[in-house]
């Protein structure tokens, strides 16, 4: 494959990955219609494409040609990791609240059989 063509394709995929991450960073936690699973699939596809493109690329040439774009992408990925982590924490918290509310609603105020099981501890 032609070096210029590979270089252009790498730059294009990096740009697409950057757009996906920007979109995710803007919408996660603010847009209830945002589909994190779909966004992750798009990110994975870009990473796969980059892996295929890197197979024939000299790492030193890549670093020189794309260093600024890679630094910007790294900063966006750091922010993205924090936002995804916060989102997942919020999802777990809500799930726990719903689970506890359902459990409490099922209780009618009487004792359950499990509470009377004798344990030798």
PDB file of N, CA and C in Angstrom:
ATOM      1  N   UNK A   1       0.855  -1.185   0.000  1.00  0.00           N
ATOM      2  CA  UNK A   1       0.000   0.000   0.000  1.00  0.00           C
ATOM      3  C   UNK A   1       0.895   1.240   0.000  1.00  0.00           C
ATOM      4  N   UNK A   2       0.491   2.234  -0.672  1.00  0.00           N
ATOM      5  CA  UNK A   2       1.218   3.487  -0.792  1.00  0.00           C
ATOM      6  C   UNK A   2       1.297   4.192   0.566  1.00  0.00           C
ATOM      7  N   UNK A   3       2.476   4.738   0.905  1.00  0.00           N
ATOM      8  CA  UNK A   3       2.684   5.390   2.195  1.00  0.00           C
ATOM      9  C   UNK A   3       1.760   6.586   2.364  1.00  0.00           C
ATOM     10  N   UNK A   4       1.595   7.387   1.320  1.00  0.00           N
ATOM     11  CA  UNK A   4       0.727   8.564   1.395  1.00  0.00           C
ATOM     12  C   UNK A   4      -0.718   8.131   1.627  1.00  0.00           C
ATOM     13  N   UNK A   5      -1.139   7.081   0.932  1.00  0.00           N
ATOM     14  CA  UNK A   5      -2.491   6.575   1.090  1.00  0.00           C
ATOM     15  C   UNK A   5      -2.720   6.063   2.515  1.00  0.00           C
ATOM     16  N   UNK A   6      -1.764   5.317   3.043  1.00  0.00           N
ATOM     17  CA  UNK A   6      -1.867   4.810   4.410  1.00  0.00           C
ATOM     18  C   UNK A   6      -1.896   5.965   5.396  1.00  0.00           C
ATOM     19  N   UNK A   7      -1.039   6.945   5.190  1.00  0.00           N
ATOM     20  CA  UNK A   7      -0.980   8.109   6.074  1.00  0.00           C
ATOM     21  C   UNK A   7      -2.322   8.841   6.078  1.00  0.00           C
ATOM     22  N   UNK A   8      -2.910   9.018   4.910  1.00  0.00           N
ATOM     23  CA  UNK A   8      -4.208   9.689   4.800  1.00  0.00           C
ATOM     24  C   UNK A   8      -5.291   8.874   5.510  1.00  0.00           C
ATOM     25  N   UNK A   9      -5.263   7.566   5.309  1.00  0.00           N
ATOM     26  CA  UNK A   9      -6.276   6.702   5.941  1.00  0.00           C
ATOM     27  C   UNK A   9      -6.140   6.732   7.458  1.00  0.00           C
ATOM     28  N   UNK A  10      -4.912   6.730   7.965  1.00  0.00           N
ATOM     29  CA  UNK A  10      -4.692   6.804   9.412  1.00  0.00           C
ATOM     30  C   UNK A  10      -5.255   8.113   9.948  1.00  0.00           C
ATOM     31  N   UNK A  11      -4.935   9.201   9.264  1.00  0.00           N
ATOM     32  CA  UNK A  11      -5.425  10.516   9.692  1.00  0.00           C
ATOM     33  C   UNK A  11      -6.954  10.552   9.680  1.00  0.00           C
ATOM     34  N   UNK A  12      -7.567   9.935   8.678  1.00  0.00           N
ATOM     35  CA  UNK A  12      -9.023   9.891   8.566  1.00  0.00           C
ATOM     36  C   UNK A  12      -9.649   9.094   9.707  1.00  0.00           C
ATOM     37  N   UNK A  13      -9.086   7.937   9.995  1.00  0.00           N
ATOM     38  CA  UNK A  13      -9.633   7.107  11.070  1.00  0.00           C
ATOM     39  C   UNK A  13      -9.429   7.792  12.422  1.00  0.00           C
ATOM     40  N   UNK A  14      -8.269   8.401  12.626  1.00  0.00           N
ATOM     41  CA  UNK A  14      -8.048   9.147  13.873  1.00  0.00           C
ATOM     42  C   UNK A  14      -9.060  10.282  14.011  1.00  0.00           C
ATOM     43  N   UNK A  15      -9.340  10.967  12.915  1.00  0.00           N
ATOM     44  CA  UNK A  15     -10.327  12.044  12.932  1.00  0.00           C
ATOM     45  C   UNK A  15     -11.716  11.528  13.258  1.00  0.00           C
ATOM     46  N   UNK A  16     -12.079  10.384  12.677  1.00  0.00           N
ATOM     47  CA  UNK A  16     -13.385   9.790  12.953  1.00  0.00           C
ATOM     48  C   UNK A  16     -13.478   9.360  14.419  1.00  0.00           C
ATOM     49  N   UNK A  17     -12.402   8.766  14.947  1.00  0.00           N
ATOM     50  CA  UNK A  17     -12.369   8.360  16.353  1.00  0.00           C
ATOM     51  C   UNK A  17     -12.511   9.576  17.259  1.00  0.00           C
ATOM     52  N   UNK A  18     -11.857  10.649  16.899  1.00  0.00           N
ATOM     53  CA  UNK A  18     -11.951  11.889  17.676  1.00  0.00           C
ATOM     54  C   UNK A  18     -13.382  12.426  17.672  1.00  0.00           C
ATOM     55  N   UNK A  19     -14.062  12.369  16.529  1.00  0.00           N
ATOM     56  CA  UNK A  19     -15.456  12.819  16.446  1.00  0.00           C
ATOM     57  C   UNK A  19     -16.371  11.961  17.308  1.00  0.00           C
ATOM     58  N   UNK A  20     -16.144  10.653  17.298  1.00  0.00           N
ATOM     59  CA  UNK A  20     -16.962   9.742  18.099  1.00  0.00           C
ATOM     60  C   UNK A  20     -16.778  10.041  19.582  1.00  0.00           C
ATOM     61  N   UNK A  21     -15.535  10.249  19.987  1.00  0.00           N
ATOM     62  CA  UNK A  21     -15.248  10.538  21.395  1.00  0.00           C
ATOM     63  C   UNK A  21     -15.822  11.892  21.798  1.00  0.00           C
ATOM     64  N   UNK A  22     -15.689  12.900  20.927  1.00  0.00           N
ATOM     65  CA  UNK A  22     -16.287  14.213  21.211  1.00  0.00           C
ATOM     66  C   UNK A  22     -17.798  14.085  21.400  1.00  0.00           C
ATOM     67  N   UNK A  23     -18.443  13.352  20.506  1.00  0.00           N
ATOM     68  CA  UNK A  23     -19.885  13.150  20.591  1.00  0.00           C
ATOM     69  C   UNK A  23     -20.254  12.455  21.906  1.00  0.00           C
ATOM     70  N   UNK A  24     -19.505  11.426  22.249  1.00  0.00           N
ATOM     71  CA  UNK A  24     -19.782  10.703  23.489  1.00  0.00           C
ATOM     72  C   UNK A  24     -19.566  11.602  24.705  1.00  0.00           C
ATOM     73  N   UNK A  25     -18.480  12.363  24.704  1.00  0.00           N
ATOM     74  CA  UNK A  25     -18.204  13.264  25.829  1.00  0.00           C
ATOM     75  C   UNK A  25     -19.285  14.328  25.981  1.00  0.00           C
ATOM     76  N   UNK A  26     -19.819  14.805  24.866  1.00  0.00           N
ATOM     77  CA  UNK A  26     -20.861  15.832  24.913  1.00  0.00           C
ATOM     78  C   UNK A  26     -22.208  15.277  25.379  1.00  0.00           C
ATOM     79  N   UNK A  27     -22.509  14.031  25.010  1.00  0.00           N
ATOM     80  CA  UNK A  27     -23.859  13.508  25.230  1.00  0.00           C
ATOM     81  C   UNK A  27     -24.008  12.603  26.449  1.00  0.00           C
ATOM     82  N   UNK A  28     -22.924  11.983  26.884  1.00  0.00           N
ATOM     83  CA  UNK A  28     -23.046  11.045  28.009  1.00  0.00           C
ATOM     84  C   UNK A  28     -23.476  11.799  29.258  1.00  0.00           C
ATOM     85  N   UNK A  29     -24.489  11.290  29.890  1.00  0.00           N
ATOM     86  CA  UNK A  29     -24.998  11.909  31.109  1.00  0.00           C
ATOM     87  C   UNK A  29     -25.933  13.078  30.893  1.00  0.00           C
ATOM     88  N   UNK A  30     -26.076  13.545  29.656  1.00  0.00           N
ATOM     89  CA  UNK A  30     -26.970  14.682  29.395  1.00  0.00           C
ATOM     90  C   UNK A  30     -28.088  14.336  28.419  1.00  0.00           C
ATOM     91  N   UNK A  31     -27.853  13.360  27.552  1.00  0.00           N
ATOM     92  CA  UNK A  31     -28.833  12.988  26.539  1.00  0.00           C
ATOM     93  C   UNK A  31     -29.383  11.601  26.861  1.00  0.00           C
ATOM     94  N   UNK A  32     -30.623  11.528  27.311  1.00  0.00           N
ATOM     95  CA  UNK A  32     -31.181  10.224  27.679  1.00  0.00           C
ATOM     96  C   UNK A  32     -31.308   9.262  26.485  1.00  0.00           C
ATOM     97  N   UNK A  33     -31.279   9.787  25.277  1.00  0.00           N
ATOM     98  CA  UNK A  33     -31.393   8.952  24.079  1.00  0.00           C
ATOM     99  C   UNK A  33     -30.036   8.420  23.606  1.00  0.00           C
ATOM    100  N   UNK A  34     -28.961   8.886  24.244  1.00  0.00           N
ATOM    101  CA  UNK A  34     -27.619   8.480  23.817  1.00  0.00           C
ATOM    102  C   UNK A  34     -27.401   6.995  24.081  1.00  0.00           C
ATOM    103  N   UNK A  35     -26.900   6.283  23.086  1.00  0.00           N
ATOM    104  CA  UNK A  35     -26.674   4.844  23.190  1.00  0.00           C
ATOM    105  C   UNK A  35     -25.176   4.575  23.330  1.00  0.00           C
ATOM    106  N   UNK A  36     -24.742   4.327  24.561  1.00  0.00           N
ATOM    107  CA  UNK A  36     -23.332   4.092  24.855  1.00  0.00           C
ATOM    108  C   UNK A  36     -22.825   2.828  24.163  1.00  0.00           C
ATOM    109  N   UNK A  37     -23.677   1.829  24.047  1.00  0.00           N
ATOM    110  CA  UNK A  37     -23.286   0.573  23.404  1.00  0.00           C
ATOM    111  C   UNK A  37     -22.938   0.796  21.931  1.00  0.00           C
ATOM    112  N   UNK A  38     -23.744   1.575  21.243  1.00  0.00           N
ATOM    113  CA  UNK A  38     -23.489   1.881  19.833  1.00  0.00           C
ATOM    114  C   UNK A  38     -22.205   2.698  19.697  1.00  0.00           C
ATOM    115  N   UNK A  39     -22.032   3.673  20.578  1.00  0.00           N
ATOM    116  CA  UNK A  39     -20.829   4.496  20.548  1.00  0.00           C
ATOM    117  C   UNK A  39     -19.584   3.640  20.763  1.00  0.00           C
ATOM    118  N   UNK A  40     -19.650   2.709  21.698  1.00  0.00           N
ATOM    119  CA  UNK A  40     -18.521   1.809  21.934  1.00  0.00           C
ATOM    120  C   UNK A  40     -18.224   0.946  20.723  1.00  0.00           C
ATOM    121  N   UNK A  41     -19.266   0.523  20.028  1.00  0.00           N
ATOM    122  CA  UNK A  41     -19.067  -0.269  18.809  1.00  0.00           C
ATOM    123  C   UNK A  41     -18.338   0.549  17.750  1.00  0.00           C
ATOM    124  N   UNK A  42     -18.688   1.823  17.622  1.00  0.00           N
ATOM    125  CA  UNK A  42     -18.007   2.699  16.656  1.00  0.00           C
ATOM    126  C   UNK A  42     -16.541   2.906  17.045  1.00  0.00           C
ATOM    127  N   UNK A  43     -16.285   3.110  18.336  1.00  0.00           N
ATOM    128  CA  UNK A  43     -14.901   3.270  18.799  1.00  0.00           C
ATOM    129  C   UNK A  43     -14.096   2.001  18.518  1.00  0.00           C
ATOM    130  N   UNK A  44     -14.695   0.856  18.794  1.00  0.00           N
ATOM    131  CA  UNK A  44     -14.009  -0.418  18.557  1.00  0.00           C
ATOM    132  C   UNK A  44     -13.678  -0.597  17.084  1.00  0.00           C
ATOM    133  N   UNK A  45     -14.599  -0.200  16.233  1.00  0.00           N
ATOM    134  CA  UNK A  45     -14.364  -0.308  14.783  1.00  0.00           C
ATOM    135  C   UNK A  45     -13.177   0.564  14.363  1.00  0.00           C
ATOM    136  N   UNK A  46     -13.110   1.775  14.886  1.00  0.00           N
ATOM    137  CA  UNK A  46     -11.985   2.659  14.564  1.00  0.00           C
ATOM    138  C   UNK A  46     -10.667   2.059  15.057  1.00  0.00           C
ATOM    139  N   UNK A  47     -10.668   1.513  16.246  1.00  0.00           N
ATOM    140  CA  UNK A  47      -9.446   0.910  16.787  1.00  0.00           C
ATOM    141  C   UNK A  47      -9.022  -0.294  15.962  1.00  0.00           C
ATOM    142  N   UNK A  48      -9.984  -1.065  15.494  1.00  0.00           N
ATOM    143  CA  UNK A  48      -9.668  -2.193  14.619  1.00  0.00           C
ATOM    144  C   UNK A  48      -9.041  -1.702  13.309  1.00  0.00           C
ATOM    145  N   UNK A  49      -9.650  -0.687  12.719  1.00  0.00           N
ATOM    146  CA  UNK A  49      -9.113  -0.132  11.470  1.00  0.00           C
ATOM    147  C   UNK A  49      -7.695   0.391  11.679  1.00  0.00           C
ATOM    148  N   UNK A  50      -7.467   1.086  12.786  1.00  0.00           N
ATOM    149  CA  UNK A  50      -6.121   1.598  13.070  1.00  0.00           C
ATOM    150  C   UNK A  50      -5.120   0.451  13.223  1.00  0.00           C
ATOM    151  N   UNK A  51      -5.523  -0.605  13.884  1.00  0.00           N
ATOM    152  CA  UNK A  51      -4.650  -1.767  14.038  1.00  0.00           C
ATOM    153  C   UNK A  51      -4.256  -2.327  12.679  1.00  0.00           C
ATOM    154  N   UNK A  52      -5.217  -2.441  11.787  1.00  0.00           N
ATOM    155  CA  UNK A  52      -4.926  -2.945  10.441  1.00  0.00           C
ATOM    156  C   UNK A  52      -3.994  -2.000   9.681  1.00  0.00           C
ATOM    157  N   UNK A  53      -4.205  -0.711   9.826  1.00  0.00           N
ATOM    158  CA  UNK A  53      -3.371   0.268   9.123  1.00  0.00           C
ATOM    159  C   UNK A  53      -1.955   0.321   9.697  1.00  0.00           C
ATOM    160  N   UNK A  54      -1.808   0.108  10.993  1.00  0.00           N
ATOM    161  CA  UNK A  54      -0.492   0.187  11.628  1.00  0.00           C
ATOM    162  C   UNK A  54       0.402  -0.982  11.252  1.00  0.00           C
ATOM    163  N   UNK A  55      -0.167  -2.049  10.790  1.00  0.00           N
ATOM    164  CA  UNK A  55       0.634  -3.230  10.461  1.00  0.00           C
ATOM    165  C   UNK A  55       1.739  -2.928   9.465  1.00  0.00           C
ATOM    166  N   UNK A  56       1.515  -2.048   8.546  1.00  0.00           N
ATOM    167  CA  UNK A  56       2.516  -1.736   7.554  1.00  0.00           C
ATOM    168  C   UNK A  56       3.179  -0.385   7.753  1.00  0.00           C
ATOM    169  N   UNK A  57       3.018   0.193   8.926  1.00  0.00           N
ATOM    170  CA  UNK A  57       3.520   1.541   9.157  1.00  0.00           C
ATOM    171  C   UNK A  57       4.706   1.506  10.118  1.00  0.00           C
ATOM    172  N   UNK A  58       5.729   2.254   9.758  1.00  0.00           N
ATOM    173  CA  UNK A  58       6.888   2.398  10.632  1.00  0.00           C
ATOM    174  C   UNK A  58       6.469   3.274  11.817  1.00  0.00           C
ATOM    175  N   UNK A  59       6.614   2.786  13.061  1.00  0.00           N
ATOM    176  CA  UNK A  59       6.156   3.552  14.232  1.00  0.00           C
ATOM    177  C   UNK A  59       6.783   4.942  14.347  1.00  0.00           C
ATOM    178  N   UNK A  60       8.027   5.118  13.926  1.00  0.00           N
ATOM    179  CA  UNK A  60       8.642   6.441  14.028  1.00  0.00           C
ATOM    180  C   UNK A  60       8.014   7.414  13.040  1.00  0.00           C
ATOM    181  N   UNK A  61       7.677   6.935  11.853  1.00  0.00           N
ATOM    182  CA  UNK A  61       7.006   7.800  10.874  1.00  0.00           C
ATOM    183  C   UNK A  61       5.609   8.174  11.363  1.00  0.00           C
ATOM    184  N   UNK A  62       4.933   7.213  11.945  1.00  0.00           N
ATOM    185  CA  UNK A  62       3.598   7.486  12.446  1.00  0.00           C
ATOM    186  C   UNK A  62       3.642   8.553  13.525  1.00  0.00           C
ATOM    187  N   UNK A  63       4.564   8.417  14.451  1.00  0.00           N
ATOM    188  CA  UNK A  63       4.664   9.375  15.558  1.00  0.00           C
ATOM    189  C   UNK A  63       4.902  10.786  15.033  1.00  0.00           C
ATOM    190  N   UNK A  64       5.765  10.937  14.049  1.00  0.00           N
ATOM    191  CA  UNK A  64       6.076  12.258  13.511  1.00  0.00           C
ATOM    192  C   UNK A  64       4.874  12.849  12.776  1.00  0.00           C
ATOM    193  N   UNK A  65       4.218  12.036  11.989  1.00  0.00           N
ATOM    194  CA  UNK A  65       3.122  12.530  11.154  1.00  0.00           C
ATOM    195  C   UNK A  65       1.835  12.822  11.931  1.00  0.00           C
ATOM    196  N   UNK A  66       1.647  12.187  13.069  1.00  0.00           N
ATOM    197  CA  UNK A  66       0.368  12.289  13.754  1.00  0.00           C
ATOM    198  C   UNK A  66       0.494  12.656  15.229  1.00  0.00           C
ATOM    199  N   UNK A  67       1.618  13.161  15.649  1.00  0.00           N
ATOM    200  CA  UNK A  67       1.860  13.396  17.073  1.00  0.00           C
ATOM    201  C   UNK A  67       0.857  14.381  17.686  1.00  0.00           C
ATOM    202  N   UNK A  68       0.573  15.471  17.010  1.00  0.00           N
ATOM    203  CA  UNK A  68      -0.373  16.456  17.553  1.00  0.00           C
ATOM    204  C   UNK A  68      -1.771  15.869  17.669  1.00  0.00           C
ATOM    205  N   UNK A  69      -2.190  15.169  16.640  1.00  0.00           N
ATOM    206  CA  UNK A  69      -3.510  14.556  16.654  1.00  0.00           C
ATOM    207  C   UNK A  69      -3.599  13.502  17.762  1.00  0.00           C
ATOM    208  N   UNK A  70      -2.522  12.755  17.976  1.00  0.00           N
ATOM    209  CA  UNK A  70      -2.507  11.732  19.022  1.00  0.00           C
ATOM    210  C   UNK A  70      -2.570  12.359  20.418  1.00  0.00           C
ATOM    211  N   UNK A  71      -1.872  13.472  20.626  1.00  0.00           N
ATOM    212  CA  UNK A  71      -1.921  14.145  21.932  1.00  0.00           C
ATOM    213  C   UNK A  71      -3.329  14.676  22.220  1.00  0.00           C
ATOM    214  N   UNK A  72      -3.961  15.268  21.226  1.00  0.00           N
ATOM    215  CA  UNK A  72      -5.328  15.765  21.406  1.00  0.00           C
ATOM    216  C   UNK A  72      -6.279  14.608  21.696  1.00  0.00           C
ATOM    217  N   UNK A  73      -6.106  13.511  20.973  1.00  0.00           N
ATOM    218  CA  UNK A  73      -6.942  12.341  21.175  1.00  0.00           C
ATOM    219  C   UNK A  73      -6.737  11.742  22.568  1.00  0.00           C
ATOM    220  N   UNK A  74      -5.509  11.729  23.037  1.00  0.00           N
ATOM    221  CA  UNK A  74      -5.217  11.196  24.372  1.00  0.00           C
ATOM    222  C   UNK A  74      -5.933  12.019  25.453  1.00  0.00           C
ATOM    223  N   UNK A  75      -5.910  13.339  25.326  1.00  0.00           N
ATOM    224  CA  UNK A  75      -6.589  14.201  26.301  1.00  0.00           C
ATOM    225  C   UNK A  75      -8.096  13.945  26.284  1.00  0.00           C
ATOM    226  N   UNK A  76      -8.655  13.783  25.092  1.00  0.00           N
ATOM    227  CA  UNK A  76     -10.095  13.522  24.979  1.00  0.00           C
ATOM    228  C   UNK A  76     -10.452  12.146  25.544  1.00  0.00           C
ATOM    229  N   UNK A  77      -9.563  11.174  25.344  1.00  0.00           N
ATOM    230  CA  UNK A  77      -9.803   9.842  25.886  1.00  0.00           C
ATOM    231  C   UNK A  77      -9.735   9.833  27.415  1.00  0.00           C
ATOM    232  N   UNK A  78      -8.866  10.661  27.985  1.00  0.00           N
ATOM    233  CA  UNK A  78      -8.781  10.769  29.439  1.00  0.00           C
ATOM    234  C   UNK A  78     -10.088  11.313  29.996  1.00  0.00           C
ATOM    235  N   UNK A  79     -10.607  12.368  29.386  1.00  0.00           N
ATOM    236  CA  UNK A  79     -11.901  12.914  29.784  1.00  0.00           C
ATOM    237  C   UNK A  79     -13.005  11.880  29.578  1.00  0.00           C
ATOM    238  N   UNK A  80     -12.956  11.176  28.455  1.00  0.00           N
ATOM    239  CA  UNK A  80     -13.950  10.161  28.137  1.00  0.00           C
ATOM    240  C   UNK A  80     -13.965   9.054  29.190  1.00  0.00           C
ATOM    241  N   UNK A  81     -12.797   8.615  29.606  1.00  0.00           N
ATOM    242  CA  UNK A  81     -12.716   7.554  30.620  1.00  0.00           C
ATOM    243  C   UNK A  81     -13.366   8.004  31.926  1.00  0.00           C
ATOM    244  N   UNK A  82     -13.127   9.251  32.315  1.00  0.00           N
ATOM    245  CA  UNK A  82     -13.746   9.777  33.542  1.00  0.00           C
ATOM    246  C   UNK A  82     -15.262   9.849  33.410  1.00  0.00           C
ATOM    247  N   UNK A  83     -15.743  10.291  32.262  1.00  0.00           N
ATOM    248  CA  UNK A  83     -17.198  10.421  32.067  1.00  0.00           C
ATOM    249  C   UNK A  83     -17.880   9.060  31.999  1.00  0.00           C
ATOM    250  N   UNK A  84     -17.257   8.113  31.321  1.00  0.00           N
ATOM    251  CA  UNK A  84     -17.840   6.769  31.242  1.00  0.00           C
ATOM    252  C   UNK A  84     -17.862   6.140  32.631  1.00  0.00           C
ATOM    253  N   UNK A  85     -16.790   6.303  33.388  1.00  0.00           N
ATOM    254  CA  UNK A  85     -16.740   5.767  34.750  1.00  0.00           C
ATOM    255  C   UNK A  85     -17.837   6.382  35.623  1.00  0.00           C
ATOM    256  N   UNK A  86     -18.007   7.687  35.539  1.00  0.00           N
ATOM    257  CA  UNK A  86     -19.058   8.361  36.321  1.00  0.00           C
ATOM    258  C   UNK A  86     -20.438   7.871  35.889  1.00  0.00           C
ATOM    259  N   UNK A  87     -20.625   7.699  34.592  1.00  0.00           N
ATOM    260  CA  UNK A  87     -21.907   7.219  34.071  1.00  0.00           C
ATOM    261  C   UNK A  87     -22.202   5.809  34.597  1.00  0.00           C
ATOM    262  N   UNK A  88     -21.212   4.931  34.534  1.00  0.00           N
ATOM    263  CA  UNK A  88     -21.410   3.561  35.011  1.00  0.00           C
ATOM    264  C   UNK A  88     -21.679   3.524  36.511  1.00  0.00           C
ATOM    265  N   UNK A  89     -21.014   4.392  37.253  1.00  0.00           N
ATOM    266  CA  UNK A  89     -21.266   4.479  38.690  1.00  0.00           C
ATOM    267  C   UNK A  89     -22.714   4.913  38.943  1.00  0.00           C
ATOM    268  N   UNK A  90     -23.176   5.891  38.188  1.00  0.00           N
ATOM    269  CA  UNK A  90     -24.566   6.365  38.337  1.00  0.00           C
ATOM    270  C   UNK A  90     -25.551   5.256  37.977  1.00  0.00           C
ATOM    271  N   UNK A  91     -25.273   4.507  36.929  1.00  0.00           N
ATOM    272  CA  UNK A  91     -26.153   3.411  36.521  1.00  0.00           C
ATOM    273  C   UNK A  91     -26.218   2.349  37.620  1.00  0.00           C
ATOM    274  N   UNK A  92     -25.061   1.998  38.196  1.00  0.00           N
ATOM    275  CA  UNK A  92     -25.042   1.013  39.286  1.00  0.00           C
ATOM    276  C   UNK A  92     -25.830   1.516  40.494  1.00  0.00           C
ATOM    277  N   UNK A  93     -25.684   2.799  40.809  1.00  0.00           N
ATOM    278  CA  UNK A  93     -26.400   3.373  41.946  1.00  0.00           C
ATOM    279  C   UNK A  93     -27.903   3.313  41.737  1.00  0.00           C
ATOM    280  N   UNK A  94     -28.354   3.695  40.555  1.00  0.00           N
ATOM    281  CA  UNK A  94     -29.792   3.644  40.251  1.00  0.00           C
ATOM    282  C   UNK A  94     -30.288   2.202  40.279  1.00  0.00           C
ATOM    283  N   UNK A  95     -29.513   1.276  39.721  1.00  0.00           N
ATOM    284  CA  UNK A  95     -29.917  -0.135  39.730  1.00  0.00           C
ATOM    285  C   UNK A  95     -30.045  -0.651  41.162  1.00  0.00           C
ATOM    286  N   UNK A  96     -29.113  -0.277  42.024  1.00  0.00           N
ATOM    287  CA  UNK A  96     -29.186  -0.685  43.434  1.00  0.00           C
ATOM    288  C   UNK A  96     -30.422  -0.098  44.114  1.00  0.00           C
ATOM    289  N   UNK A  97     -30.707   1.165  43.836  1.00  0.00           N
ATOM    290  CA  UNK A  97     -31.898   1.794  44.414  1.00  0.00           C
ATOM    291  C   UNK A  97     -33.175   1.073  43.975  1.00  0.00           C
ATOM    292  N   UNK A  98     -33.252   0.755  42.696  1.00  0.00           N
ATOM    293  CA  UNK A  98     -34.433   0.057  42.185  1.00  0.00           C
ATOM    294  C   UNK A  98     -34.538  -1.347  42.765  1.00  0.00           C
ATOM    295  N   UNK A  99     -33.414  -2.031  42.876  1.00  0.00           N
ATOM    296  CA  UNK A  99     -33.409  -3.384  43.443  1.00  0.00           C
ATOM    297  C   UNK A  99     -33.883  -3.343  44.902  1.00  0.00           C
ATOM    298  N   UNK A 100     -33.358  -2.386  45.662  1.00  0.00           N
ATOM    299  CA  UNK A 100     -33.758  -2.265  47.069  1.00  0.00           C
ATOM    300  C   UNK A 100     -35.227  -1.875  47.211  1.00  0.00           C
ATOM    301  N   UNK A 101     -35.698  -0.989  46.347  1.00  0.00           N
ATOM    302  CA  UNK A 101     -37.105  -0.579  46.391  1.00  0.00           C
ATOM    303  C   UNK A 101     -38.008  -1.759  46.069  1.00  0.00           C
ATOM    304  N   UNK A 102     -37.621  -2.570  45.086  1.00  0.00           N
ATOM    305  CA  UNK A 102     -38.427  -3.741  44.732  1.00  0.00           C
ATOM    306  C   UNK A 102     -38.431  -4.748  45.873  1.00  0.00           C
ATOM    307  N   UNK A 103     -37.278  -4.956  46.475  1.00  0.00           N
ATOM    308  CA  UNK A 103     -37.193  -5.886  47.606  1.00  0.00           C
ATOM    309  C   UNK A 103     -38.058  -5.392  48.763  1.00  0.00           C
ATOM    310  N   UNK A 104     -37.968  -4.099  49.072  1.00  0.00           N
ATOM    311  CA  UNK A 104     -38.760  -3.528  50.168  1.00  0.00           C
ATOM    312  C   UNK A 104     -40.258  -3.598  49.873  1.00  0.00           C
ATOM    313  N   UNK A 105     -40.632  -3.414  48.628  1.00  0.00           N
ATOM    314  CA  UNK A 105     -42.051  -3.471  48.258  1.00  0.00           C
ATOM    315  C   UNK A 105     -42.593  -4.886  48.378  1.00  0.00           C
ATOM    316  N   UNK A 106     -41.720  -5.882  48.165  1.00  0.00           N
ATOM    317  CA  UNK A 106     -42.150  -7.277  48.279  1.00  0.00           C
ATOM    318  C   UNK A 106     -42.383  -7.680  49.732  1.00  0.00           C
ATOM    319  N   UNK A 107     -41.707  -7.022  50.646  1.00  0.00           N
ATOM    320  CA  UNK A 107     -41.875  -7.360  52.060  1.00  0.00           C
ATOM    321  C   UNK A 107     -43.200  -6.842  52.572  1.00  0.00           C
ATOM    322  N   UNK A 108     -43.905  -7.693  53.314  1.00  0.00           N
ATOM    323  CA  UNK A 108     -45.194  -7.259  53.841  1.00  0.00           C
ATOM    324  C   UNK A 108     -45.146  -6.998  55.346  1.00  0.00           C
ATOM    325  N   UNK A 109     -43.930  -6.945  55.873  1.00  0.00           N
ATOM    326  CA  UNK A 109     -43.797  -6.640  57.288  1.00  0.00           C
ATOM    327  C   UNK A 109     -43.705  -7.876  58.160  1.00  0.00           C
ATOM    328  N   UNK A 110     -43.895  -9.068  57.577  1.00  0.00           N
ATOM    329  CA  UNK A 110     -43.771 -10.293  58.364  1.00  0.00           C
ATOM    330  C   UNK A 110     -42.378 -10.870  58.166  1.00  0.00           C
ATOM    331  N   UNK A 111     -42.040 -11.806  59.006  1.00  0.00           N
ATOM    332  CA  UNK A 111     -40.722 -12.432  58.905  1.00  0.00           C
ATOM    333  C   UNK A 111     -40.713 -13.462  57.781  1.00  0.00           C
ATOM    334  N   UNK A 112     -39.551 -13.650  57.196  1.00  0.00           N
ATOM    335  CA  UNK A 112     -39.412 -14.653  56.147  1.00  0.00           C
ATOM    336  C   UNK A 112     -38.827 -15.919  56.737  1.00  0.00           C
ATOM    337  N   UNK A 113     -38.984 -17.020  56.040  1.00  0.00           N
ATOM    338  CA  UNK A 113     -38.470 -18.305  56.499  1.00  0.00           C
ATOM    339  C   UNK A 113     -36.950 -18.255  56.666  1.00  0.00           C
ATOM    340  N   UNK A 114     -36.254 -17.536  55.817  1.00  0.00           N
ATOM    341  CA  UNK A 114     -34.807 -17.444  55.877  1.00  0.00           C
ATOM    342  C   UNK A 114     -34.331 -16.799  57.184  1.00  0.00           C
ATOM    343  N   UNK A 115     -35.143 -15.952  57.752  1.00  0.00           N
ATOM    344  CA  UNK A 115     -34.739 -15.286  58.995  1.00  0.00           C
ATOM    345  C   UNK A 115     -34.748 -16.240  60.184  1.00  0.00           C
ATOM    346  N   UNK A 116     -35.435 -17.386  60.052  1.00  0.00           N
ATOM    347  CA  UNK A 116     -35.523 -18.335  61.152  1.00  0.00           C
ATOM    348  C   UNK A 116     -34.583 -19.531  60.995  1.00  0.00           C
ATOM    349  N   UNK A 117     -33.799 -19.553  59.929  1.00  0.00           N
ATOM    350  CA  UNK A 117     -32.853 -20.654  59.723  1.00  0.00           C
ATOM    351  C   UNK A 117     -31.743 -20.530  60.761  1.00  0.00           C
ATOM    352  N   UNK A 118     -31.493 -21.634  61.460  1.00  0.00           N
ATOM    353  CA  UNK A 118     -30.481 -21.654  62.512  1.00  0.00           C
ATOM    354  C   UNK A 118     -29.100 -21.793  61.874  1.00  0.00           C
ATOM    355  N   UNK A 119     -28.177 -21.000  62.328  1.00  0.00           N
ATOM    356  CA  UNK A 119     -26.816 -21.025  61.807  1.00  0.00           C
ATOM    357  C   UNK A 119     -25.856 -21.172  62.959  1.00  0.00           C
ATOM    358  N   UNK A 120     -24.901 -22.091  62.833  1.00  0.00           N
ATOM    359  CA  UNK A 120     -23.891 -22.284  63.876  1.00  0.00           C
ATOM    360  C   UNK A 120     -22.650 -21.487  63.521  1.00  0.00           C
ATOM    361  N   UNK A 121     -22.686 -20.230  63.781  1.00  0.00           N
ATOM    362  CA  UNK A 121     -21.539 -19.358  63.500  1.00  0.00           C
ATOM    363  C   UNK A 121     -21.001 -18.815  64.783  1.00  0.00           C
TER     364      UNK A 121
END
